[in-house]
Amino acid sequence: MDEMMELMHQLLLGNGILIAGCVYVCAELLKTLLPRMNSTWIPLIGALMGVLLGLIIPDFSVGQGMLVKAISGLCLGWAATGAFESVKCIKSRQRS
């Protein structure tokens, strides 16, 4: 249980916020700069960006293997796209 709490602490307060924030900002930029792009691709792009960032950030998931880093990055990328979709829904409700 302590190991799980340590992992959650590391993901939420460590570089996990950095990964989720970068993916969120990139998703917003993609949507703004490429308005003709189908938005169904954004979660996949976010997940792939999360994997990439999880693997290249040096202090992310210290002491863990590459697979754990990739899966953690994948989850954080998908979480960021979920946040993106939530903000999009809130914006669309405000316009109605």
C-alpha atoms as a PDB file:
ATOM      1  CA  MET A   1       0.000   0.000   0.000  1.00  0.00           C
ATOM      2  CA  ASP A   2       2.866   2.379   0.774  1.00  0.00           C
ATOM      3  CA  GLU A   3       4.373   1.722  -2.652  1.00  0.00           C
ATOM      4  CA  MET A   4       1.081   2.602  -4.341  1.00  0.00           C
ATOM      5  CA  MET A   5       0.780   5.824  -2.342  1.00  0.00           C
ATOM      6  CA  GLU A   6       4.351   6.742  -3.261  1.00  0.00           C
ATOM      7  CA  LEU A   7       3.609   6.112  -6.945  1.00  0.00           C
ATOM      8  CA  MET A   8       0.443   8.233  -6.783  1.00  0.00           C
ATOM      9  CA  HIS A   9       2.371  11.017  -5.046  1.00  0.00           C
ATOM     10  CA  GLN A  10       5.076  10.868  -7.683  1.00  0.00           C
ATOM     11  CA  LEU A  11       2.582  10.926 -10.564  1.00  0.00           C
ATOM     12  CA  LEU A  12       0.421  13.715  -9.209  1.00  0.00           C
ATOM     13  CA  LEU A  13       3.007  15.995  -7.664  1.00  0.00           C
ATOM     14  CA  GLY A  14       6.085  15.155  -9.684  1.00  0.00           C
ATOM     15  CA  ASN A  15       6.544  15.254 -13.405  1.00  0.00           C
ATOM     16  CA  GLY A  16       3.078  13.816 -13.980  1.00  0.00           C
ATOM     17  CA  ILE A  17       1.598  17.296 -13.789  1.00  0.00           C
ATOM     18  CA  LEU A  18       4.214  18.435 -16.305  1.00  0.00           C
ATOM     19  CA  ILE A  19       3.241  15.667 -18.747  1.00  0.00           C
ATOM     20  CA  ALA A  20      -0.503  16.219 -18.368  1.00  0.00           C
ATOM     21  CA  GLY A  21      -0.078  19.972 -18.724  1.00  0.00           C
ATOM     22  CA  CYS A  22       2.065  19.682 -21.853  1.00  0.00           C
ATOM     23  CA  VAL A  23      -0.375  17.275 -23.475  1.00  0.00           C
ATOM     24  CA  TYR A  24      -3.325  19.527 -22.602  1.00  0.00           C
ATOM     25  CA  VAL A  25      -1.649  22.619 -24.055  1.00  0.00           C
ATOM     26  CA  CYS A  26      -0.656  20.729 -27.212  1.00  0.00           C
ATOM     27  CA  ALA A  27      -4.222  19.468 -27.636  1.00  0.00           C
ATOM     28  CA  GLU A  28      -5.521  23.035 -27.372  1.00  0.00           C
ATOM     29  CA  LEU A  29      -2.923  24.212 -29.891  1.00  0.00           C
ATOM     30  CA  LEU A  30      -3.808  21.429 -32.324  1.00  0.00           C
ATOM     31  CA  LYS A  31      -7.472  22.288 -32.093  1.00  0.00           C
ATOM     32  CA  THR A  32      -6.780  25.998 -32.617  1.00  0.00           C
ATOM     33  CA  LEU A  33      -4.110  25.784 -35.321  1.00  0.00           C
ATOM     34  CA  LEU A  34      -5.681  22.929 -37.288  1.00  0.00           C
ATOM     35  CA  PRO A  35      -9.443  23.565 -37.161  1.00  0.00           C
ATOM     36  CA  ARG A  36     -10.098  21.101 -40.005  1.00  0.00           C
ATOM     37  CA  MET A  37      -8.464  18.243 -38.113  1.00  0.00           C
ATOM     38  CA  ASN A  38     -10.945  15.660 -36.880  1.00  0.00           C
ATOM     39  CA  SER A  39     -11.061  15.992 -33.076  1.00  0.00           C
ATOM     40  CA  THR A  40     -11.462  12.227 -32.656  1.00  0.00           C
ATOM     41  CA  TRP A  41      -7.701  11.936 -33.162  1.00  0.00           C
ATOM     42  CA  ILE A  42      -6.839  14.188 -30.207  1.00  0.00           C
ATOM     43  CA  PRO A  43      -7.095  11.456 -27.498  1.00  0.00           C
ATOM     44  CA  LEU A  44      -4.814   9.157 -29.508  1.00  0.00           C
ATOM     45  CA  ILE A  45      -2.321  11.952 -30.129  1.00  0.00           C
ATOM     46  CA  GLY A  46      -2.451  12.865 -26.432  1.00  0.00           C
ATOM     47  CA  ALA A  47      -1.839   9.275 -25.379  1.00  0.00           C
ATOM     48  CA  LEU A  48       1.136   8.950 -27.729  1.00  0.00           C
ATOM     49  CA  MET A  49       2.551  12.258 -26.525  1.00  0.00           C
ATOM     50  CA  GLY A  50       2.162  11.049 -22.946  1.00  0.00           C
ATOM     51  CA  VAL A  51       4.107   7.865 -23.719  1.00  0.00           C
ATOM     52  CA  LEU A  52       6.847   9.857 -25.428  1.00  0.00           C
ATOM     53  CA  LEU A  53       7.126  12.372 -22.601  1.00  0.00           C
ATOM     54  CA  GLY A  54       7.021   9.600 -19.999  1.00  0.00           C
ATOM     55  CA  LEU A  55       9.997   7.958 -21.668  1.00  0.00           C
ATOM     56  CA  ILE A  56      12.129  11.056 -22.260  1.00  0.00           C
ATOM     57  CA  ILE A  57      11.662  12.963 -18.986  1.00  0.00           C
ATOM     58  CA  PRO A  58      14.645  11.813 -16.910  1.00  0.00           C
ATOM     59  CA  ASP A  59      13.188  11.902 -13.375  1.00  0.00           C
ATOM     60  CA  PHE A  60       9.772  10.490 -14.248  1.00  0.00           C
ATOM     61  CA  SER A  61       9.002   7.250 -12.347  1.00  0.00           C
ATOM     62  CA  VAL A  62      12.451   6.983 -10.817  1.00  0.00           C
ATOM     63  CA  GLY A  63      13.494   3.390 -10.257  1.00  0.00           C
ATOM     64  CA  GLN A  64      10.836   2.008 -12.569  1.00  0.00           C
ATOM     65  CA  GLY A  65      11.315   0.235 -15.889  1.00  0.00           C
ATOM     66  CA  MET A  66      10.644   1.640 -19.319  1.00  0.00           C
ATOM     67  CA  LEU A  67       7.300  -0.173 -19.552  1.00  0.00           C
ATOM     68  CA  VAL A  68       6.044   1.434 -16.338  1.00  0.00           C
ATOM     69  CA  LYS A  69       7.164   4.845 -17.584  1.00  0.00           C
ATOM     70  CA  ALA A  70       5.404   4.308 -20.913  1.00  0.00           C
ATOM     71  CA  ILE A  71       2.157   3.126 -19.297  1.00  0.00           C
ATOM     72  CA  SER A  72       2.205   5.972 -16.785  1.00  0.00           C
ATOM     73  CA  GLY A  73       2.740   8.466 -19.602  1.00  0.00           C
ATOM     74  CA  LEU A  74      -0.090   6.865 -21.564  1.00  0.00           C
ATOM     75  CA  CYS A  75      -2.475   7.257 -18.632  1.00  0.00           C
ATOM     76  CA  LEU A  76      -1.436  10.856 -18.057  1.00  0.00           C
ATOM     77  CA  GLY A  77      -1.868  11.671 -21.760  1.00  0.00           C
ATOM     78  CA  TRP A  78      -5.364  10.228 -21.735  1.00  0.00           C
ATOM     79  CA  ALA A  79      -6.126  12.081 -18.521  1.00  0.00           C
ATOM     80  CA  ALA A  80      -5.085  15.336 -20.158  1.00  0.00           C
ATOM     81  CA  THR A  81      -7.350  14.696 -23.134  1.00  0.00           C
ATOM     82  CA  GLY A  82     -10.170  13.988 -20.705  1.00  0.00           C
ATOM     83  CA  ALA A  83      -9.534  17.382 -19.166  1.00  0.00           C
ATOM     84  CA  PHE A  84      -9.499  18.854 -22.675  1.00  0.00           C
ATOM     85  CA  GLU A  85     -12.894  17.309 -23.428  1.00  0.00           C
ATOM     86  CA  SER A  86     -14.284  18.529 -20.095  1.00  0.00           C
ATOM     87  CA  VAL A  87     -13.243  22.107 -20.805  1.00  0.00           C
ATOM     88  CA  LYS A  88     -14.676  21.803 -24.319  1.00  0.00           C
ATOM     89  CA  CYS A  89     -18.035  20.666 -22.916  1.00  0.00           C
ATOM     90  CA  ILE A  90     -18.077  23.495 -20.381  1.00  0.00           C
ATOM     91  CA  LYS A  91     -17.322  26.036 -23.121  1.00  0.00           C
ATOM     92  CA  SER A  92     -20.069  24.682 -25.357  1.00  0.00           C
ATOM     93  CA  ARG A  93     -22.614  24.821 -22.501  1.00  0.00           C
ATOM     94  CA  GLN A  94     -21.754  28.445 -21.827  1.00  0.00           C
ATOM     95  CA  ARG A  95     -22.464  29.364 -25.467  1.00  0.00           C
ATOM     96  CA  SER A  96     -25.949  27.781 -25.367  1.00  0.00           C
END
